[in-house]
N, C-alpha and C. Protein backbone atom coordinates (compact mmCIF):
# COMPACT_ATOMS: atom_id res chain seq x y z
N MET A 1 -12.70 -28.05 12.19
CA MET A 1 -11.82 -27.54 11.07
C MET A 1 -12.68 -27.63 9.79
N PRO A 2 -12.60 -26.58 8.99
CA PRO A 2 -13.33 -26.59 7.77
C PRO A 2 -12.65 -27.49 6.59
N SER A 3 -13.51 -28.04 5.78
CA SER A 3 -12.86 -28.84 4.79
C SER A 3 -12.09 -28.10 3.80
N PRO A 4 -10.99 -28.61 3.28
CA PRO A 4 -10.20 -27.94 2.29
C PRO A 4 -10.93 -27.67 1.04
N LEU A 5 -10.53 -26.67 0.28
CA LEU A 5 -11.06 -26.51 -1.02
C LEU A 5 -10.29 -27.43 -1.97
N SER A 6 -10.94 -27.72 -3.12
CA SER A 6 -10.33 -28.55 -4.08
C SER A 6 -9.32 -27.80 -4.75
N ARG A 7 -8.39 -28.48 -5.42
CA ARG A 7 -7.35 -27.79 -6.23
C ARG A 7 -7.91 -26.95 -7.34
N GLU A 8 -9.03 -27.47 -7.90
CA GLU A 8 -9.67 -26.74 -9.03
C GLU A 8 -10.27 -25.41 -8.49
N ASP A 9 -10.79 -25.46 -7.34
CA ASP A 9 -11.36 -24.27 -6.79
C ASP A 9 -10.34 -23.26 -6.57
N VAL A 10 -9.22 -23.63 -5.97
CA VAL A 10 -8.06 -22.74 -5.53
C VAL A 10 -7.57 -22.20 -6.96
N ALA A 11 -7.40 -23.10 -8.01
CA ALA A 11 -6.93 -22.66 -9.24
C ALA A 11 -7.84 -21.61 -9.90
N HIS A 12 -9.08 -21.85 -9.82
CA HIS A 12 -10.02 -20.94 -10.25
C HIS A 12 -10.00 -19.60 -9.58
N LEU A 13 -9.92 -19.50 -8.31
CA LEU A 13 -9.78 -18.31 -7.52
C LEU A 13 -8.40 -17.60 -7.91
N ALA A 14 -7.42 -18.39 -8.08
CA ALA A 14 -6.10 -17.78 -8.44
C ALA A 14 -6.23 -17.15 -9.87
N SER A 15 -6.87 -17.89 -10.76
CA SER A 15 -6.97 -17.16 -12.10
C SER A 15 -7.90 -15.89 -12.11
N LEU A 16 -8.89 -15.92 -11.22
CA LEU A 16 -9.66 -14.61 -11.08
C LEU A 16 -8.82 -13.51 -10.59
N ALA A 17 -7.94 -13.84 -9.64
CA ALA A 17 -7.06 -12.82 -9.08
C ALA A 17 -5.80 -12.60 -9.89
N ARG A 18 -5.70 -13.32 -11.06
CA ARG A 18 -4.56 -13.34 -11.96
C ARG A 18 -3.23 -13.62 -11.12
N ILE A 19 -3.22 -14.67 -10.38
CA ILE A 19 -2.06 -15.12 -9.58
C ILE A 19 -1.62 -16.50 -10.14
N SER A 20 -0.48 -16.62 -10.33
CA SER A 20 0.10 -17.83 -10.86
C SER A 20 0.57 -18.69 -9.70
N LEU A 21 0.05 -19.87 -9.50
CA LEU A 21 0.39 -20.72 -8.32
C LEU A 21 0.87 -22.10 -8.87
N ASN A 22 2.05 -22.65 -8.19
CA ASN A 22 2.48 -23.96 -8.60
C ASN A 22 1.61 -25.00 -7.76
N ASP A 23 1.96 -26.23 -8.02
CA ASP A 23 1.18 -27.26 -7.42
C ASP A 23 1.12 -27.30 -5.95
N ALA A 24 2.30 -27.09 -5.38
CA ALA A 24 2.50 -27.05 -3.85
C ALA A 24 1.66 -25.93 -3.29
N GLU A 25 1.70 -24.78 -3.98
CA GLU A 25 0.85 -23.60 -3.41
C GLU A 25 -0.64 -23.89 -3.55
N LEU A 26 -1.00 -24.52 -4.65
CA LEU A 26 -2.41 -24.95 -4.71
C LEU A 26 -2.89 -25.93 -3.67
N ASP A 27 -1.97 -26.77 -3.25
CA ASP A 27 -2.36 -27.73 -2.26
C ASP A 27 -2.39 -27.06 -0.87
N ARG A 28 -1.39 -26.19 -0.51
CA ARG A 28 -1.37 -25.48 0.69
C ARG A 28 -2.53 -24.54 0.89
N LEU A 29 -2.77 -23.70 -0.15
CA LEU A 29 -3.84 -22.81 -0.11
C LEU A 29 -5.28 -23.39 -0.04
N GLY A 30 -5.37 -24.60 -0.64
CA GLY A 30 -6.58 -25.37 -0.52
C GLY A 30 -6.90 -25.65 0.91
N ALA A 31 -5.96 -25.87 1.70
CA ALA A 31 -6.21 -26.20 3.17
C ALA A 31 -6.42 -24.92 3.96
N GLU A 32 -5.69 -23.80 3.46
CA GLU A 32 -5.72 -22.51 4.35
C GLU A 32 -6.84 -21.70 4.06
N LEU A 33 -7.28 -21.67 2.84
CA LEU A 33 -8.43 -20.65 2.44
C LEU A 33 -9.67 -20.87 3.30
N PRO A 34 -10.17 -22.09 3.63
CA PRO A 34 -11.37 -22.15 4.36
C PRO A 34 -11.22 -21.49 5.78
N ALA A 35 -10.03 -21.58 6.49
CA ALA A 35 -9.83 -20.89 7.73
C ALA A 35 -9.87 -19.42 7.50
N ILE A 36 -9.32 -18.94 6.51
CA ILE A 36 -9.37 -17.49 6.17
C ILE A 36 -10.73 -17.08 5.89
N LEU A 37 -11.58 -17.78 5.15
CA LEU A 37 -12.97 -17.48 4.90
C LEU A 37 -13.74 -17.44 6.24
N ASP A 38 -13.47 -18.51 7.16
CA ASP A 38 -14.09 -18.49 8.45
C ASP A 38 -13.86 -17.12 9.28
N HIS A 39 -12.59 -16.75 9.19
CA HIS A 39 -12.28 -15.46 9.88
C HIS A 39 -12.97 -14.19 9.32
N VAL A 40 -13.10 -14.29 7.95
CA VAL A 40 -13.75 -13.16 7.29
C VAL A 40 -15.35 -13.14 7.72
N ALA A 41 -15.90 -14.33 7.76
CA ALA A 41 -17.24 -14.54 8.26
C ALA A 41 -17.35 -14.08 9.71
N ALA A 42 -16.39 -14.37 10.42
CA ALA A 42 -16.44 -13.83 11.94
C ALA A 42 -16.43 -12.28 12.01
N VAL A 43 -15.66 -11.68 11.23
CA VAL A 43 -15.66 -10.26 11.21
C VAL A 43 -16.93 -9.67 10.68
N GLN A 44 -17.42 -10.33 9.64
CA GLN A 44 -18.67 -9.80 9.05
C GLN A 44 -19.79 -10.07 10.09
N GLY A 45 -19.65 -11.15 10.85
CA GLY A 45 -20.81 -11.22 11.92
C GLY A 45 -20.78 -10.15 12.87
N VAL A 46 -19.57 -9.72 13.27
CA VAL A 46 -19.46 -8.58 14.22
C VAL A 46 -20.02 -7.30 13.66
N VAL A 47 -19.73 -7.15 12.32
CA VAL A 47 -20.29 -5.93 11.62
C VAL A 47 -21.69 -5.98 11.57
N ASP A 48 -22.34 -7.11 11.28
CA ASP A 48 -23.77 -7.30 11.14
C ASP A 48 -24.38 -7.03 12.47
N ALA A 49 -23.77 -7.48 13.53
CA ALA A 49 -24.32 -7.39 14.99
C ALA A 49 -24.25 -5.95 15.42
N ALA A 50 -23.25 -5.17 14.96
CA ALA A 50 -23.15 -3.76 15.42
C ALA A 50 -24.31 -2.89 15.11
N GLY A 51 -25.10 -3.23 14.08
CA GLY A 51 -26.30 -2.44 13.68
C GLY A 51 -25.94 -1.31 12.86
N GLU A 52 -27.00 -0.61 12.30
CA GLU A 52 -26.78 0.45 11.43
C GLU A 52 -26.47 1.82 12.16
N ASP A 53 -26.71 1.72 13.51
CA ASP A 53 -26.46 3.09 14.22
C ASP A 53 -24.92 3.14 14.61
N THR A 54 -24.13 2.18 14.37
CA THR A 54 -22.74 2.15 14.63
C THR A 54 -21.94 2.62 13.38
N ARG A 55 -21.32 3.76 13.54
CA ARG A 55 -20.49 4.25 12.45
C ARG A 55 -19.14 3.41 12.17
N PRO A 56 -18.85 3.16 10.94
CA PRO A 56 -17.56 2.53 10.52
C PRO A 56 -16.42 3.54 10.99
N MET A 57 -15.32 2.96 11.34
CA MET A 57 -14.10 3.83 11.72
C MET A 57 -12.84 3.00 11.21
N SER A 58 -11.77 3.82 11.02
CA SER A 58 -10.50 3.20 10.64
C SER A 58 -9.67 3.03 11.86
N HIS A 59 -9.86 3.62 12.98
CA HIS A 59 -9.03 3.67 14.18
C HIS A 59 -9.93 3.51 15.34
N PRO A 60 -9.43 2.78 16.43
CA PRO A 60 -10.29 2.61 17.65
C PRO A 60 -10.33 3.91 18.41
N ILE A 61 -9.46 4.92 18.13
CA ILE A 61 -9.55 6.14 18.93
C ILE A 61 -9.63 7.29 17.86
N PRO A 62 -10.12 8.45 18.26
CA PRO A 62 -10.28 9.50 17.24
C PRO A 62 -8.80 10.04 16.78
N VAL A 63 -8.68 10.21 15.56
CA VAL A 63 -7.44 10.72 15.03
C VAL A 63 -7.71 12.04 14.31
N THR A 64 -6.88 13.02 14.50
CA THR A 64 -7.00 14.26 13.76
C THR A 64 -5.89 14.51 12.74
N ASN A 65 -6.26 15.30 11.82
CA ASN A 65 -5.32 15.50 10.75
C ASN A 65 -4.09 16.30 11.26
N VAL A 66 -2.90 15.85 11.08
CA VAL A 66 -1.68 16.57 11.59
C VAL A 66 -1.01 17.46 10.47
N PHE A 67 -1.53 17.39 9.34
CA PHE A 67 -0.91 18.16 8.33
C PHE A 67 -1.25 19.66 8.41
N ARG A 68 -0.30 20.47 8.02
CA ARG A 68 -0.57 21.91 7.94
C ARG A 68 -1.51 22.35 6.85
N VAL A 69 -2.01 23.42 6.84
CA VAL A 69 -2.84 23.96 5.81
C VAL A 69 -2.07 24.30 4.61
N ASP A 70 -2.53 23.79 3.50
CA ASP A 70 -1.76 24.07 2.20
C ASP A 70 -1.85 25.57 1.78
N GLU A 71 -0.69 26.32 1.96
CA GLU A 71 -0.75 27.71 1.63
C GLU A 71 0.36 28.05 0.53
N VAL A 72 -0.06 28.92 -0.25
CA VAL A 72 0.93 29.48 -1.33
C VAL A 72 1.83 30.35 -0.57
N ARG A 73 3.20 30.22 -0.73
CA ARG A 73 4.12 31.16 -0.11
C ARG A 73 5.33 31.16 -0.99
N GLU A 74 6.05 32.29 -0.74
CA GLU A 74 7.22 32.55 -1.49
C GLU A 74 8.31 31.44 -1.42
N GLY A 75 8.97 31.05 -2.47
CA GLY A 75 9.94 30.07 -2.38
C GLY A 75 11.45 30.68 -2.54
N LEU A 76 12.33 29.82 -2.66
CA LEU A 76 13.73 30.38 -2.85
C LEU A 76 13.98 30.91 -4.21
N THR A 77 14.70 31.91 -4.32
CA THR A 77 15.10 32.43 -5.58
C THR A 77 16.27 31.62 -6.12
N PRO A 78 16.45 31.49 -7.41
CA PRO A 78 17.65 30.72 -7.83
C PRO A 78 18.88 31.23 -7.12
N GLU A 79 19.14 32.47 -7.02
CA GLU A 79 20.37 33.01 -6.33
C GLU A 79 20.45 32.45 -4.92
N ALA A 80 19.34 32.50 -4.21
CA ALA A 80 19.36 32.06 -2.82
C ALA A 80 19.60 30.49 -2.68
N ALA A 81 19.04 29.77 -3.62
CA ALA A 81 19.22 28.40 -3.63
C ALA A 81 20.76 27.97 -4.00
N LEU A 82 21.36 28.74 -4.76
CA LEU A 82 22.64 28.48 -5.15
C LEU A 82 23.76 29.14 -4.42
N ALA A 83 23.32 29.96 -3.42
CA ALA A 83 24.29 30.76 -2.57
C ALA A 83 25.27 29.96 -1.94
N GLY A 84 25.01 28.80 -1.46
CA GLY A 84 25.95 27.90 -0.71
C GLY A 84 26.67 26.91 -1.63
N ALA A 85 26.25 26.86 -2.88
CA ALA A 85 26.90 25.89 -3.81
C ALA A 85 28.30 26.25 -4.08
N PRO A 86 29.28 25.29 -4.20
CA PRO A 86 30.64 25.62 -4.44
C PRO A 86 30.78 26.20 -5.80
N GLU A 87 30.10 25.63 -6.77
CA GLU A 87 30.06 26.25 -8.09
C GLU A 87 28.74 26.10 -8.89
N SER A 88 28.43 27.06 -9.58
CA SER A 88 27.19 27.01 -10.32
C SER A 88 27.39 27.56 -11.72
N GLU A 89 26.44 27.21 -12.64
CA GLU A 89 26.45 27.66 -14.07
C GLU A 89 25.11 27.76 -14.56
N GLU A 90 24.75 28.90 -15.19
CA GLU A 90 23.37 29.04 -15.71
C GLU A 90 22.31 28.71 -14.68
N GLN A 91 22.35 29.13 -13.50
CA GLN A 91 21.33 29.02 -12.55
C GLN A 91 21.17 27.48 -12.14
N ARG A 92 22.32 26.70 -12.31
CA ARG A 92 22.29 25.27 -11.93
C ARG A 92 23.49 24.92 -11.02
N PHE A 93 23.40 23.80 -10.33
CA PHE A 93 24.58 23.35 -9.59
C PHE A 93 25.60 22.77 -10.57
N LEU A 94 26.86 23.17 -10.37
CA LEU A 94 27.82 22.53 -11.29
C LEU A 94 28.56 21.57 -10.48
N VAL A 95 28.58 20.34 -11.01
CA VAL A 95 29.22 19.15 -10.39
C VAL A 95 30.21 18.53 -11.24
N PRO A 96 31.31 17.93 -10.68
CA PRO A 96 32.22 17.27 -11.57
C PRO A 96 31.68 16.10 -12.35
N LYS A 97 32.25 15.92 -13.53
CA LYS A 97 31.62 14.77 -14.31
C LYS A 97 32.20 13.50 -13.72
N ILE A 98 31.38 12.44 -13.68
CA ILE A 98 31.82 11.11 -13.12
C ILE A 98 31.84 10.08 -14.26
N LEU A 99 31.28 10.44 -15.34
CA LEU A 99 31.25 9.41 -16.53
C LEU A 99 32.20 10.03 -17.66
N GLY A 100 32.67 9.17 -18.35
CA GLY A 100 33.64 9.50 -19.42
C GLY A 100 32.88 10.36 -20.50
N GLU A 101 33.67 10.91 -21.42
CA GLU A 101 33.03 11.62 -22.61
C GLU A 101 32.26 10.65 -23.48
N GLU A 102 31.19 11.17 -23.96
CA GLU A 102 30.40 10.35 -24.93
C GLU A 102 30.48 10.84 -26.30
């Protein structure tokens, strides 16, 4: 088990990250951060062992873009958009007032 970081070290890291921590959080994170750093080092070791011929990837299997091509096309006219509206006025939906007069 890695040794915990001092409260001052955790406070310094928190200030760099602009995070405000209370005393209990400083103590708890002092014990947890070394384990987190060990995990990061383990992942970095795998990255280093993979070599330069291994391409980085975001997913373990190939993913293709599922979005459609962005094409300019004709939109609704104001008349078509308002065709199903119960009431309209000046090319806008007309809705009942829900707030009092101001």
